[in-house]
C-alpha atoms as a PDB file:
ATOM      1  CA  UNK A   1     104.583  90.686 110.298  1.00  0.00           C
ATOM      2  CA  UNK A   2     102.609  93.703 109.154  1.00  0.00           C
ATOM      3  CA  UNK A   3     103.190  94.832 105.603  1.00  0.00           C
ATOM      4  CA  UNK A   4     102.862  98.515 104.875  1.00  0.00           C
ATOM      5  CA  UNK A   5     101.590  99.793 101.533  1.00  0.00           C
ATOM      6  CA  UNK A   6     104.471 101.631  99.803  1.00  0.00           C
ATOM      7  CA  UNK A   7     102.041 104.115  98.251  1.00  0.00           C
ATOM      8  CA  UNK A   8     100.300 104.957 101.545  1.00  0.00           C
ATOM      9  CA  UNK A   9     103.618 105.395 103.339  1.00  0.00           C
ATOM     10  CA  UNK A  10     104.808 107.887 100.699  1.00  0.00           C
ATOM     11  CA  UNK A  11     101.482 109.717 100.717  1.00  0.00           C
ATOM     12  CA  UNK A  12     100.661 108.939  97.081  1.00  0.00           C
ATOM     13  CA  UNK A  13      96.934 109.340  96.417  1.00  0.00           C
ATOM     14  CA  UNK A  14      96.753 108.564  92.693  1.00  0.00           C
ATOM     15  CA  UNK A  15      98.878 106.326  90.483  1.00  0.00           C
ATOM     16  CA  UNK A  16      99.390 107.867  87.061  1.00  0.00           C
ATOM     17  CA  UNK A  17      99.374 105.745  83.914  1.00  0.00           C
ATOM     18  CA  UNK A  18     102.159 107.895  82.438  1.00  0.00           C
ATOM     19  CA  UNK A  19     104.686 106.799  85.087  1.00  0.00           C
ATOM     20  CA  UNK A  20     105.898 103.807  83.121  1.00  0.00           C
ATOM     21  CA  UNK A  21     108.840 103.018  85.422  1.00  0.00           C
ATOM     22  CA  UNK A  22     106.524 102.672  88.430  1.00  0.00           C
ATOM     23  CA  UNK A  23     104.084 100.501  86.496  1.00  0.00           C
ATOM     24  CA  UNK A  24     106.783  98.198  85.118  1.00  0.00           C
ATOM     25  CA  UNK A  25     107.931  97.408  88.660  1.00  0.00           C
ATOM     26  CA  UNK A  26     104.442  96.088  89.367  1.00  0.00           C
ATOM     27  CA  UNK A  27     104.410  93.633  86.459  1.00  0.00           C
ATOM     28  CA  UNK A  28     106.129  90.288  86.034  1.00  0.00           C
ATOM     29  CA  UNK A  29     108.753  89.662  83.376  1.00  0.00           C
ATOM     30  CA  UNK A  30     105.974  88.134  81.266  1.00  0.00           C
ATOM     31  CA  UNK A  31     103.876  91.287  81.569  1.00  0.00           C
ATOM     32  CA  UNK A  32     101.296  90.141  84.114  1.00  0.00           C
ATOM     33  CA  UNK A  33     100.098  92.401  86.913  1.00  0.00           C
ATOM     34  CA  UNK A  34     101.657  91.430  90.252  1.00  0.00           C
ATOM     35  CA  UNK A  35      99.400  90.377  93.120  1.00  0.00           C
ATOM     36  CA  UNK A  36      98.867  92.362  96.303  1.00  0.00           C
ATOM     37  CA  UNK A  37     100.984  89.859  98.166  1.00  0.00           C
ATOM     38  CA  UNK A  38     103.997  90.705  96.003  1.00  0.00           C
ATOM     39  CA  UNK A  39     103.469  94.455  95.630  1.00  0.00           C
ATOM     40  CA  UNK A  40     102.496  94.938  99.322  1.00  0.00           C
ATOM     41  CA  UNK A  41      99.901  97.471  98.164  1.00  0.00           C
ATOM     42  CA  UNK A  42      96.627  98.014  99.980  1.00  0.00           C
ATOM     43  CA  UNK A  43      93.388  97.133  98.200  1.00  0.00           C
ATOM     44  CA  UNK A  44      92.752 100.753  97.181  1.00  0.00           C
ATOM     45  CA  UNK A  45      96.172 101.240  95.601  1.00  0.00           C
ATOM     46  CA  UNK A  46      96.188  97.781  94.018  1.00  0.00           C
ATOM     47  CA  UNK A  47      92.967  98.611  92.158  1.00  0.00           C
ATOM     48  CA  UNK A  48      94.372 101.960  91.041  1.00  0.00           C
ATOM     49  CA  UNK A  49      97.617 100.271  89.995  1.00  0.00           C
ATOM     50  CA  UNK A  50      95.819  97.663  87.888  1.00  0.00           C
ATOM     51  CA  UNK A  51      93.696 100.362  86.266  1.00  0.00           C
ATOM     52  CA  UNK A  52      96.790 102.449  85.432  1.00  0.00           C
ATOM     53  CA  UNK A  53      98.599  99.430  83.960  1.00  0.00           C
ATOM     54  CA  UNK A  54      95.602  98.605  81.769  1.00  0.00           C
ATOM     55  CA  UNK A  55      95.392 102.201  80.549  1.00  0.00           C
ATOM     56  CA  UNK A  56      99.106 102.283  79.777  1.00  0.00           C
ATOM     57  CA  UNK A  57      98.776  99.034  77.823  1.00  0.00           C
ATOM     58  CA  UNK A  58      95.962 100.418  75.684  1.00  0.00           C
ATOM     59  CA  UNK A  59      98.001 103.522  74.936  1.00  0.00           C
ATOM     60  CA  UNK A  60     101.013 101.335  74.028  1.00  0.00           C
ATOM     61  CA  UNK A  61     103.197 102.746  76.806  1.00  0.00           C
ATOM     62  CA  UNK A  62     103.898  99.248  78.114  1.00  0.00           C
ATOM     63  CA  UNK A  63     103.463  95.938  76.262  1.00  0.00           C
ATOM     64  CA  UNK A  64     100.643  93.477  76.924  1.00  0.00           C
ATOM     65  CA  UNK A  65     103.050  90.523  76.804  1.00  0.00           C
ATOM     66  CA  UNK A  66     106.837  90.347  76.957  1.00  0.00           C
ATOM     67  CA  UNK A  67     108.437  87.720  74.770  1.00  0.00           C
END
């Protein structure tokens, strides 16, 4: 079964670190970044997603760890 990247199918080129609701969907309840297998993102968008999550963490938009 072929999995289609949700970002490619919507035509999203860049993932913004300020879109906290999008980034939170790509993290586990403990705050870890989800794998490509779970997010269904292509390699390009998975790298951009991880980079945006890390930026948002450093700017305190999302927590590093959920307790």
